[in-house]
Amino acid sequence: MSYEMRGHVRRNVIKVRLNDDEHACVLAFSRLSRKQRATLAYEWMMAGMKLCAAQEECEQKQHA
């Protein structure tokens, strides 16, 4: 398989350990959304990162 944008290939792995309740939550959301657990976790992580960046930008504007 060949990709035009090699930088967009996700080849780095991060492992996350969850307790039983957290794991059950991820399983339930993945079933409801009909997405794979890893895809759902990736989307949540990216959404959280965007939220943090937006909050940081907002705080910087307030202090300016």
C-alpha atoms as a PDB file:
ATOM      1  CA  MET A   1       0.000   0.000   0.000  1.00  0.00           C
ATOM      2  CA  SER A   2       1.358   3.412  -0.942  1.00  0.00           C
ATOM      3  CA  TYR A   3       0.406   6.757   0.577  1.00  0.00           C
ATOM      4  CA  GLU A   4       0.867  10.172  -1.015  1.00  0.00           C
ATOM      5  CA  MET A   5       1.248  11.885   2.360  1.00  0.00           C
ATOM      6  CA  ARG A   6       3.637   9.642   4.288  1.00  0.00           C
ATOM      7  CA  GLY A   7       3.556  12.012   7.269  1.00  0.00           C
ATOM      8  CA  HIS A   8      -0.133  11.220   7.768  1.00  0.00           C
ATOM      9  CA  VAL A   9       0.429   7.494   8.305  1.00  0.00           C
ATOM     10  CA  ARG A  10      -0.217   6.630  11.951  1.00  0.00           C
ATOM     11  CA  ARG A  11       2.594   4.311  12.947  1.00  0.00           C
ATOM     12  CA  ASN A  12       3.240   5.385  16.558  1.00  0.00           C
ATOM     13  CA  VAL A  13       1.535   3.431  19.331  1.00  0.00           C
ATOM     14  CA  ILE A  14       0.500   4.724  22.748  1.00  0.00           C
ATOM     15  CA  LYS A  15      -0.888   2.278  25.278  1.00  0.00           C
ATOM     16  CA  VAL A  16      -3.445   3.401  27.852  1.00  0.00           C
ATOM     17  CA  ARG A  17      -4.573   1.374  30.831  1.00  0.00           C
ATOM     18  CA  LEU A  18      -8.182   1.686  31.995  1.00  0.00           C
ATOM     19  CA  ASN A  19      -9.992   0.433  35.054  1.00  0.00           C
ATOM     20  CA  ASP A  20     -13.075  -1.768  34.626  1.00  0.00           C
ATOM     21  CA  ASP A  21     -15.570   1.118  34.690  1.00  0.00           C
ATOM     22  CA  GLU A  22     -13.598   3.208  32.193  1.00  0.00           C
ATOM     23  CA  HIS A  23     -13.248   0.201  29.888  1.00  0.00           C
ATOM     24  CA  ALA A  24     -16.983  -0.518  30.108  1.00  0.00           C
ATOM     25  CA  CYS A  25     -17.676   3.117  29.180  1.00  0.00           C
ATOM     26  CA  VAL A  26     -15.436   2.925  26.104  1.00  0.00           C
ATOM     27  CA  LEU A  27     -17.053  -0.361  25.065  1.00  0.00           C
ATOM     28  CA  ALA A  28     -20.552   1.083  25.444  1.00  0.00           C
ATOM     29  CA  PHE A  29     -19.732   4.216  23.447  1.00  0.00           C
ATOM     30  CA  SER A  30     -18.021   2.184  20.732  1.00  0.00           C
ATOM     31  CA  ARG A  31     -21.071  -0.040  20.382  1.00  0.00           C
ATOM     32  CA  LEU A  32     -23.443   2.928  20.291  1.00  0.00           C
ATOM     33  CA  SER A  33     -21.364   4.813  17.737  1.00  0.00           C
ATOM     34  CA  ARG A  34     -20.502   1.645  15.796  1.00  0.00           C
ATOM     35  CA  LYS A  35     -16.828   2.578  15.823  1.00  0.00           C
ATOM     36  CA  GLN A  36     -13.785   0.603  16.819  1.00  0.00           C
ATOM     37  CA  ARG A  37     -12.506   1.312  20.319  1.00  0.00           C
ATOM     38  CA  ALA A  38      -9.168   2.633  19.058  1.00  0.00           C
ATOM     39  CA  THR A  39     -10.882   4.950  16.557  1.00  0.00           C
ATOM     40  CA  LEU A  40     -13.184   6.290  19.244  1.00  0.00           C
ATOM     41  CA  ALA A  41     -10.299   6.801  21.677  1.00  0.00           C
ATOM     42  CA  TYR A  42      -8.311   8.604  18.968  1.00  0.00           C
ATOM     43  CA  GLU A  43     -11.243  10.917  18.208  1.00  0.00           C
ATOM     44  CA  TRP A  44     -11.708  11.678  21.924  1.00  0.00           C
ATOM     45  CA  MET A  45      -8.012  12.403  22.326  1.00  0.00           C
ATOM     46  CA  MET A  46      -7.946  14.752  19.335  1.00  0.00           C
ATOM     47  CA  ALA A  47     -11.089  16.563  20.541  1.00  0.00           C
ATOM     48  CA  GLY A  48      -9.501  17.002  23.972  1.00  0.00           C
ATOM     49  CA  MET A  49      -6.313  18.373  22.450  1.00  0.00           C
ATOM     50  CA  LYS A  50      -8.279  20.874  20.359  1.00  0.00           C
ATOM     51  CA  LEU A  51     -10.253  21.954  23.431  1.00  0.00           C
ATOM     52  CA  CYS A  52      -7.047  22.471  25.435  1.00  0.00           C
ATOM     53  CA  ALA A  53      -5.521  24.515  22.616  1.00  0.00           C
ATOM     54  CA  ALA A  54      -8.651  26.693  22.371  1.00  0.00           C
ATOM     55  CA  GLN A  55      -8.689  27.274  26.143  1.00  0.00           C
ATOM     56  CA  GLU A  56      -4.997  28.197  26.109  1.00  0.00           C
ATOM     57  CA  GLU A  57      -5.601  30.658  23.267  1.00  0.00           C
ATOM     58  CA  CYS A  58      -8.528  32.180  25.159  1.00  0.00           C
ATOM     59  CA  GLU A  59      -6.457  32.558  28.341  1.00  0.00           C
ATOM     60  CA  GLN A  60      -3.644  34.228  26.408  1.00  0.00           C
ATOM     61  CA  LYS A  61      -6.088  36.757  24.953  1.00  0.00           C
ATOM     62  CA  GLN A  62      -7.434  37.538  28.427  1.00  0.00           C
ATOM     63  CA  HIS A  63      -3.935  38.262  29.774  1.00  0.00           C
ATOM     64  CA  ALA A  64      -2.988  40.480  26.809  1.00  0.00           C
END
